[in-house]
Amino acid sequence: MYPALAVLQELGETELELLWVGGEGGMEEQLVTRAGYQLTTLPAAGLHGVGLAQLPRNLWQLLRGYFAARRILRQFKPQALFFTGGYVAAPVALAGSRMGIPTLAFVPDARPGFALRFIARFADVIAIIAPEAGAGYARPARLQVSGYPVRKELAAWATGARRAEARQHFGLRSDLPTVLVFGGSKGAQNINRATLAALSDLLQDKQVIHITGEANWDALQAQQAALTPAQAARYRAFPYLHADMGAALAAADLAVCRAGASIFGELPLFGLPAVLAPIAFKQHIQHDNAALLAQRGAAVVLADEQLGSELAPTVNRVLADAAQLQAMRQAMAAIATPDAAAAIAARLRQLGKAAASA
């Protein structure tokens, strides 16, 4: 969702009419409308990993979504379509292909998920985050290495000069290493548990910004009350950060997080080394994401089952080795593509102009 919003920020600076198509009851409604974009919804459901009992209903939802997508596209008459994944996109991509509308698909991970593999069949352009992510596509000529689009409100914090300001923003000291722990918008329960168990160790000589996710907030507050005054002074916990996420990234020396797609945008922009803990399911895309950053020397990978015993030792080891930390910082910064949103927006405008003049 956030890469799409970053591209829309670039497109919104032109005289273009923009429409976001989301799923009925989807989580994007609040963010999209808050950003000031038109939003319409259609019925849709996923197929990947769905049991046989649920499959007929989901297929029916997708069929309904396809006909709804045709109606939306006929009414809105777009000159180009932009997709970043999700099962909602599949019926729109199919309808757009049958109507001859040019399509750009952005693949935010090291490899495409189920929906994006389907959408890539119809896409005129496939934007990817790095050259290593280009394997396996049928027509490589359609690939464009764009990098990961990042919102402007995050980029505004991405200068070394703002680190002191960022730490002041959270009431943190300037002379202690700062660890940022987060697990995505919904949080990551295993990371939260491991972090809480390791707090007494971490807070001896470090400070921690901990974003728990809304679902884990109540449980954390109860445990937070058990911290000593000295520990509490070095610990900042939040259920979620939106506008202040840039400040949190700027304040940190090391991130501890899952390996969702955003690691290719947010961490490189801030040159922020990471301890990555992909979700336990070994075939998940997060393992490919983590491997890519580890191969570049920008991150250390920690297995989910090792979080409980190895989180604190791993964080301590990385932060204690100044040479390794600096090398990781440089490797992460080398991945940054601050012009990714502008590059994708420019390609979308090209597709739209070509369609309009055809």
Protein backbone atom coordinates (compact mmCIF):
# COMPACT_ATOMS: atom_id res chain seq x y z
CA MET A 1 0.00 0.00 0.00
CA TYR A 2 2.71 2.51 0.93
CA PRO A 3 4.68 2.14 -2.34
CA ALA A 4 1.48 2.90 -4.24
CA LEU A 5 0.85 5.99 -2.11
CA ALA A 6 4.42 7.15 -2.76
CA VAL A 7 3.87 6.88 -6.53
CA LEU A 8 0.52 8.64 -6.24
CA GLN A 9 2.26 11.50 -4.45
CA GLU A 10 4.39 11.94 -7.56
CA LEU A 11 1.47 11.59 -9.96
CA GLY A 12 -0.68 13.90 -7.85
CA GLU A 13 1.62 16.80 -8.66
CA THR A 14 0.38 16.68 -12.26
CA GLU A 15 -3.05 17.38 -13.74
CA LEU A 16 -4.11 13.74 -13.56
CA GLU A 17 -7.27 12.23 -12.17
CA LEU A 18 -6.41 9.32 -9.90
CA LEU A 19 -8.62 6.50 -8.64
CA TRP A 20 -7.68 3.83 -6.08
CA VAL A 21 -9.52 0.51 -6.38
CA GLY A 22 -9.57 -1.49 -3.15
CA GLY A 23 -11.37 -4.44 -1.65
CA GLU A 24 -14.66 -4.14 0.16
CA GLY A 25 -13.86 -3.59 3.83
CA GLY A 26 -10.15 -3.40 3.10
CA MET A 27 -7.62 -1.83 5.47
CA GLU A 28 -6.53 0.72 2.86
CA GLU A 29 -9.71 2.79 3.06
CA GLN A 30 -8.58 4.96 5.97
CA LEU A 31 -5.10 5.59 4.60
CA VAL A 32 -6.24 6.33 1.04
CA THR A 33 -9.04 8.70 1.99
CA ARG A 34 -6.80 10.42 4.55
CA ALA A 35 -4.31 11.02 1.75
CA GLY A 36 -7.05 12.69 -0.27
CA TYR A 37 -7.46 10.22 -3.15
CA GLN A 38 -10.64 8.90 -4.72
CA LEU A 39 -11.45 5.37 -3.58
CA THR A 40 -13.84 2.79 -4.93
CA THR A 41 -14.17 -0.84 -3.86
CA LEU A 42 -15.07 -4.18 -5.38
CA PRO A 43 -15.64 -7.72 -4.07
CA ALA A 44 -12.57 -9.94 -4.14
CA ALA A 45 -10.99 -12.85 -2.29
CA GLY A 46 -7.74 -14.76 -2.37
CA LEU A 47 -7.13 -18.23 -3.77
CA HIS A 48 -3.60 -19.02 -2.62
CA GLY A 49 -3.60 -21.29 0.42
CA VAL A 50 -7.42 -21.42 0.57
CA GLY A 51 -9.03 -24.69 1.65
CA LEU A 52 -11.48 -26.59 -0.53
CA ALA A 53 -14.45 -25.57 1.62
CA GLN A 54 -13.69 -21.88 1.07
CA LEU A 55 -12.62 -22.12 -2.58
CA PRO A 56 -16.07 -21.95 -4.28
CA ARG A 57 -17.03 -18.82 -2.34
CA ASN A 58 -13.73 -17.11 -3.14
CA LEU A 59 -13.99 -17.99 -6.83
CA TRP A 60 -17.48 -16.47 -6.87
CA GLN A 61 -16.14 -13.34 -5.18
CA LEU A 62 -13.42 -13.02 -7.81
CA LEU A 63 -15.96 -13.43 -10.61
CA ARG A 64 -18.08 -10.69 -9.06
CA GLY A 65 -14.94 -8.59 -8.71
CA TYR A 66 -14.11 -9.03 -12.39
CA PHE A 67 -17.49 -7.70 -13.56
CA ALA A 68 -17.31 -4.89 -10.99
CA ALA A 69 -13.83 -4.02 -12.30
CA ARG A 70 -15.16 -3.83 -15.87
CA ARG A 71 -17.86 -1.41 -14.77
CA ILE A 72 -15.36 0.74 -12.88
CA LEU A 73 -12.93 0.88 -15.80
CA ARG A 74 -15.67 1.74 -18.29
CA GLN A 75 -16.87 4.59 -16.10
CA PHE A 76 -13.46 5.97 -15.12
CA LYS A 77 -11.77 5.37 -18.51
CA PRO A 78 -8.17 5.21 -17.22
CA GLN A 79 -5.25 5.64 -19.60
CA ALA A 80 -3.02 3.39 -17.47
CA LEU A 81 -3.28 0.94 -14.57
CA PHE A 82 -0.81 0.56 -11.70
CA PHE A 83 -0.65 -2.52 -9.47
CA THR A 84 1.39 -3.35 -6.39
CA GLY A 85 -0.13 -6.77 -5.65
CA GLY A 86 -2.95 -8.18 -3.57
CA TYR A 87 -5.85 -10.34 -4.65
CA VAL A 88 -8.01 -7.25 -5.29
CA ALA A 89 -5.73 -6.39 -8.20
CA ALA A 90 -6.24 -9.67 -10.08
CA PRO A 91 -9.78 -9.04 -11.41
CA VAL A 92 -8.86 -5.44 -12.28
CA ALA A 93 -5.77 -6.59 -14.17
CA LEU A 94 -7.74 -9.17 -16.10
CA ALA A 95 -10.47 -6.69 -16.97
CA GLY A 96 -7.92 -4.05 -17.97
CA SER A 97 -6.07 -6.50 -20.19
CA ARG A 98 -9.24 -7.44 -22.04
CA MET A 99 -9.99 -3.73 -22.52
CA GLY A 100 -6.48 -2.97 -23.80
CA ILE A 101 -5.46 -0.60 -21.00
CA PRO A 102 -1.66 -0.34 -20.50
CA THR A 103 -0.47 -1.76 -17.18
CA LEU A 104 2.52 -1.30 -14.90
CA ALA A 105 3.01 -3.81 -12.09
CA PHE A 106 5.39 -3.07 -9.22
CA VAL A 107 6.82 -6.13 -7.45
CA PRO A 108 7.91 -4.95 -3.99
CA ASP A 109 9.57 -8.21 -2.91
CA ALA A 110 12.57 -10.24 -4.05
CA ARG A 111 10.13 -12.41 -6.02
CA PRO A 112 6.47 -11.95 -6.96
CA GLY A 113 3.69 -13.29 -4.81
CA PHE A 114 0.76 -15.30 -6.15
CA ALA A 115 -1.32 -12.31 -7.29
CA LEU A 116 1.60 -10.49 -8.90
CA ARG A 117 2.69 -13.62 -10.78
CA PHE A 118 -0.79 -13.59 -12.34
CA ILE A 119 -0.77 -9.85 -13.01
CA ALA A 120 2.71 -9.97 -14.57
CA ARG A 121 1.26 -11.97 -17.47
CA PHE A 122 -0.70 -8.89 -18.55
CA ALA A 123 1.70 -6.12 -17.55
CA ASP A 124 3.39 -3.95 -20.16
CA VAL A 125 6.02 -2.94 -17.61
CA ILE A 126 7.16 -4.82 -14.48
CA ALA A 127 9.08 -2.65 -12.01
CA ILE A 128 11.35 -4.56 -9.61
CA ILE A 129 13.35 -3.55 -6.55
CA ALA A 130 16.79 -4.86 -7.59
CA PRO A 131 18.49 -6.77 -10.44
CA GLU A 132 18.48 -9.94 -8.30
CA ALA A 133 14.67 -9.81 -8.29
CA GLY A 134 14.44 -10.18 -12.07
CA ALA A 135 14.80 -13.93 -12.35
CA GLY A 136 12.00 -16.10 -13.71
CA TYR A 137 10.02 -13.61 -15.78
CA ALA A 138 8.95 -14.77 -19.22
CA ARG A 139 9.79 -11.52 -21.03
CA PRO A 140 12.79 -9.79 -19.41
CA ALA A 141 12.48 -6.83 -21.80
CA ARG A 142 9.46 -5.67 -19.80
CA LEU A 143 11.48 -5.37 -16.58
CA GLN A 144 12.50 -2.02 -15.12
CA VAL A 145 14.72 -1.88 -12.03
CA SER A 146 13.10 0.99 -10.19
CA GLY A 147 13.88 0.35 -6.54
CA TYR A 148 11.29 0.70 -3.80
CA PRO A 149 9.15 3.89 -3.67
CA VAL A 150 9.17 5.66 -0.31
CA ARG A 151 6.75 8.32 0.94
CA LYS A 152 8.00 11.88 1.02
CA GLU A 153 7.20 12.28 4.70
CA LEU A 154 9.73 9.50 5.45
CA ALA A 155 12.34 10.87 3.07
CA ALA A 156 12.20 14.23 4.84
CA TRP A 157 13.86 12.61 7.88
CA ALA A 158 16.53 10.74 5.90
CA THR A 159 19.50 12.99 6.51
CA GLY A 160 22.20 12.46 9.10
CA ALA A 161 21.68 16.02 10.30
CA ARG A 162 18.25 15.09 11.67
CA ARG A 163 19.38 12.19 13.89
CA ALA A 164 19.78 14.40 16.96
CA GLU A 165 16.40 15.98 16.27
CA ALA A 166 14.81 12.54 15.89
CA ARG A 167 16.16 11.37 19.24
CA GLN A 168 14.99 14.55 20.91
CA HIS A 169 11.58 13.93 19.34
CA PHE A 170 11.32 10.70 21.35
CA GLY A 171 13.05 12.05 24.44
CA LEU A 172 16.08 9.78 23.96
CA ARG A 173 19.73 10.38 24.75
CA SER A 174 22.21 11.21 22.01
CA ASP A 175 25.07 9.15 23.48
CA LEU A 176 23.50 5.68 23.57
CA PRO A 177 22.96 3.17 20.74
CA THR A 178 19.31 3.05 19.71
CA VAL A 179 17.51 -0.09 18.56
CA LEU A 180 14.25 0.17 16.61
CA VAL A 181 12.01 -2.90 16.90
CA PHE A 182 8.91 -3.30 14.73
CA GLY A 183 6.89 -6.01 13.05
CA GLY A 184 4.67 -4.31 10.47
CA SER A 185 1.30 -2.63 10.90
CA LYS A 186 -0.16 -5.61 12.79
CA GLY A 187 2.97 -6.29 14.78
CA ALA A 188 4.88 -9.57 15.15
CA GLN A 189 4.08 -11.51 18.28
CA ASN A 190 7.30 -13.54 18.40
CA ILE A 191 9.45 -10.44 17.95
CA ASN A 192 7.48 -8.67 20.68
CA ARG A 193 7.87 -11.57 23.09
CA ALA A 194 11.59 -11.88 22.44
CA THR A 195 12.08 -8.14 22.81
CA LEU A 196 10.27 -8.02 26.14
CA ALA A 197 12.27 -10.99 27.41
CA ALA A 198 15.52 -9.29 26.34
CA LEU A 199 14.74 -5.78 27.61
CA SER A 200 16.72 -6.02 30.85
CA ASP A 201 19.78 -6.98 28.80
CA LEU A 202 19.27 -4.47 25.97
CA LEU A 203 18.46 -1.53 28.24
CA GLN A 204 21.68 -1.83 30.24
CA ASP A 205 23.58 0.23 27.68
CA LYS A 206 21.11 0.85 24.87
CA GLN A 207 17.74 2.50 24.28
CA VAL A 208 14.84 0.91 22.44
CA ILE A 209 11.98 2.22 20.30
CA HIS A 210 9.44 -0.60 20.16
CA ILE A 211 6.45 -0.55 17.77
CA THR A 212 4.28 -3.46 18.87
CA GLY A 213 1.27 -3.40 16.53
CA GLU A 214 -2.24 -2.71 17.74
CA ALA A 215 -3.03 -6.35 18.53
CA ASN A 216 -0.15 -6.67 21.00
CA TRP A 217 -0.44 -3.30 22.70
CA ASP A 218 -2.53 -4.20 25.75
CA ALA A 219 -0.29 -7.10 26.73
CA LEU A 220 2.83 -4.98 26.36
CA GLN A 221 1.50 -2.16 28.54
CA ALA A 222 1.08 -4.56 31.44
CA GLN A 223 4.70 -5.75 31.15
CA GLN A 224 6.00 -2.23 30.59
CA ALA A 225 4.76 -1.27 34.05
CA ALA A 226 7.30 -3.71 35.54
CA LEU A 227 10.32 -1.81 34.20
CA THR A 228 12.55 0.01 36.65
CA PRO A 229 12.68 3.82 36.34
CA ALA A 230 16.14 3.57 34.72
CA GLN A 231 14.88 1.04 32.18
CA ALA A 232 11.72 3.01 31.45
CA ALA A 233 13.82 6.09 30.67
CA ARG A 234 15.48 4.16 27.83
CA TYR A 235 12.37 2.50 26.43
CA ARG A 236 9.72 3.99 24.12
CA ALA A 237 6.80 1.80 23.07
CA PHE A 238 4.00 2.55 20.60
CA PRO A 239 1.19 0.48 19.11
CA TYR A 240 1.81 2.02 15.67
CA LEU A 241 3.63 4.95 14.10
CA HIS A 242 2.53 6.67 10.92
CA ALA A 243 3.67 10.29 10.72
CA ASP A 244 6.50 9.64 13.22
CA MET A 245 7.94 6.54 11.53
CA GLY A 246 10.53 8.63 9.72
CA ALA A 247 11.76 10.02 13.02
CA ALA A 248 12.01 6.50 14.49
CA LEU A 249 14.09 5.30 11.54
CA ALA A 250 16.32 8.37 11.73
CA ALA A 251 16.91 7.90 15.47
CA ALA A 252 18.00 4.26 15.22
CA ASP A 253 21.42 2.62 14.87
CA LEU A 254 19.98 -0.85 14.24
CA ALA A 255 16.56 -2.23 13.30
CA VAL A 256 15.03 -5.53 14.42
CA CYS A 257 12.11 -6.49 12.22
CA ARG A 258 10.44 -8.96 9.91
CA ALA A 259 11.49 -9.06 6.26
CA GLY A 260 8.43 -7.64 4.54
CA ALA A 261 8.81 -5.68 1.33
CA SER A 262 9.26 -2.33 3.06
CA ILE A 263 12.80 -3.31 4.12
CA PHE A 264 13.88 -2.51 0.55
CA GLY A 265 12.68 1.07 0.86
CA GLU A 266 12.73 2.32 4.42
CA LEU A 267 15.94 0.73 5.74
CA PRO A 268 18.13 1.65 2.72
CA LEU A 269 16.82 5.22 2.67
CA PHE A 270 18.16 5.68 6.21
CA GLY A 271 21.22 3.46 5.77
CA LEU A 272 19.88 1.49 8.73
CA PRO A 273 21.45 -1.97 9.32
CA ALA A 274 19.07 -4.67 10.43
CA VAL A 275 18.60 -7.94 12.23
CA LEU A 276 15.90 -9.58 10.11
CA ALA A 277 13.65 -12.34 11.45
CA PRO A 278 11.48 -13.67 8.60
CA ILE A 279 8.23 -15.34 9.58
CA ALA A 280 8.55 -19.02 10.42
CA PHE A 281 7.01 -20.45 7.22
CA LYS A 282 10.14 -21.37 5.23
CA GLN A 283 8.61 -20.91 1.77
CA HIS A 284 7.46 -17.37 2.50
CA ILE A 285 8.73 -14.47 0.39
CA GLN A 286 10.22 -12.88 3.51
CA HIS A 287 13.04 -15.43 3.45
CA ASP A 288 13.98 -14.36 -0.08
CA ASN A 289 13.85 -10.71 1.00
CA ALA A 290 16.08 -11.31 4.00
CA ALA A 291 18.54 -13.36 1.95
CA LEU A 292 18.92 -10.55 -0.61
CA LEU A 293 19.87 -7.98 2.04
CA ALA A 294 22.12 -10.44 3.85
CA GLN A 295 23.93 -11.25 0.59
CA ARG A 296 24.50 -7.53 0.07
CA GLY A 297 26.04 -7.33 3.56
CA ALA A 298 23.33 -5.00 4.86
CA ALA A 299 21.60 -7.30 7.35
CA VAL A 300 21.96 -10.28 9.65
CA VAL A 301 19.27 -12.97 9.47
CA LEU A 302 17.90 -14.55 12.64
CA ALA A 303 15.53 -17.51 12.41
CA ASP A 304 12.14 -17.01 14.03
CA GLU A 305 12.68 -19.97 16.34
CA GLN A 306 15.94 -18.42 17.57
CA LEU A 307 14.43 -15.10 18.58
CA GLY A 308 13.88 -16.06 22.19
CA SER A 309 17.46 -17.15 22.85
CA GLU A 310 19.48 -15.18 20.29
CA LEU A 311 17.89 -11.73 19.93
CA ALA A 312 19.87 -9.94 22.64
CA PRO A 313 23.21 -11.68 21.85
CA THR A 314 22.82 -10.89 18.14
CA VAL A 315 21.95 -7.22 18.73
CA ASN A 316 24.80 -6.87 21.23
CA ARG A 317 27.29 -8.49 18.85
CA VAL A 318 26.36 -6.32 15.86
CA LEU A 319 26.42 -3.07 17.82
CA ALA A 320 29.70 -3.96 19.55
CA ASP A 321 31.55 -4.39 16.24
CA ALA A 322 31.92 -0.82 14.96
CA ALA A 323 33.61 -1.90 11.73
CA GLN A 324 30.88 -4.41 10.87
CA LEU A 325 28.15 -1.94 11.74
CA GLN A 326 29.67 0.71 9.50
CA ALA A 327 30.04 -1.79 6.64
CA MET A 328 26.40 -2.82 7.05
CA ARG A 329 25.35 0.82 7.12
CA GLN A 330 27.18 1.51 3.86
CA ALA A 331 25.83 -1.63 2.20
CA MET A 332 22.28 -0.73 3.19
CA ALA A 333 22.63 2.87 1.99
CA ALA A 334 23.95 1.62 -1.36
CA ILE A 335 20.59 -0.08 -1.99
CA ALA A 336 18.62 3.16 -1.57
CA THR A 337 16.71 4.45 -4.59
CA PRO A 338 15.20 7.78 -3.49
CA ASP A 339 13.94 8.48 -7.02
CA ALA A 340 12.00 5.20 -7.32
CA ALA A 341 8.55 6.80 -7.00
CA ALA A 342 9.43 9.43 -9.58
CA ALA A 343 10.78 6.80 -11.99
CA ILE A 344 7.63 4.68 -11.76
CA ALA A 345 5.38 7.73 -12.05
CA ALA A 346 7.27 8.84 -15.18
CA ARG A 347 6.82 5.42 -16.77
CA LEU A 348 3.11 5.47 -15.96
CA ARG A 349 2.76 8.87 -17.60
CA GLN A 350 4.54 7.49 -20.69
CA LEU A 351 2.13 4.57 -20.85
CA GLY A 352 -0.84 6.90 -20.46
CA LYS A 353 0.33 9.33 -23.13
CA ALA A 354 1.01 6.51 -25.58
CA ALA A 355 -2.47 5.13 -24.99
CA ALA A 356 -4.07 8.55 -25.41
CA SER A 357 -2.33 9.16 -28.73
CA ALA A 358 -2.97 5.68 -30.13
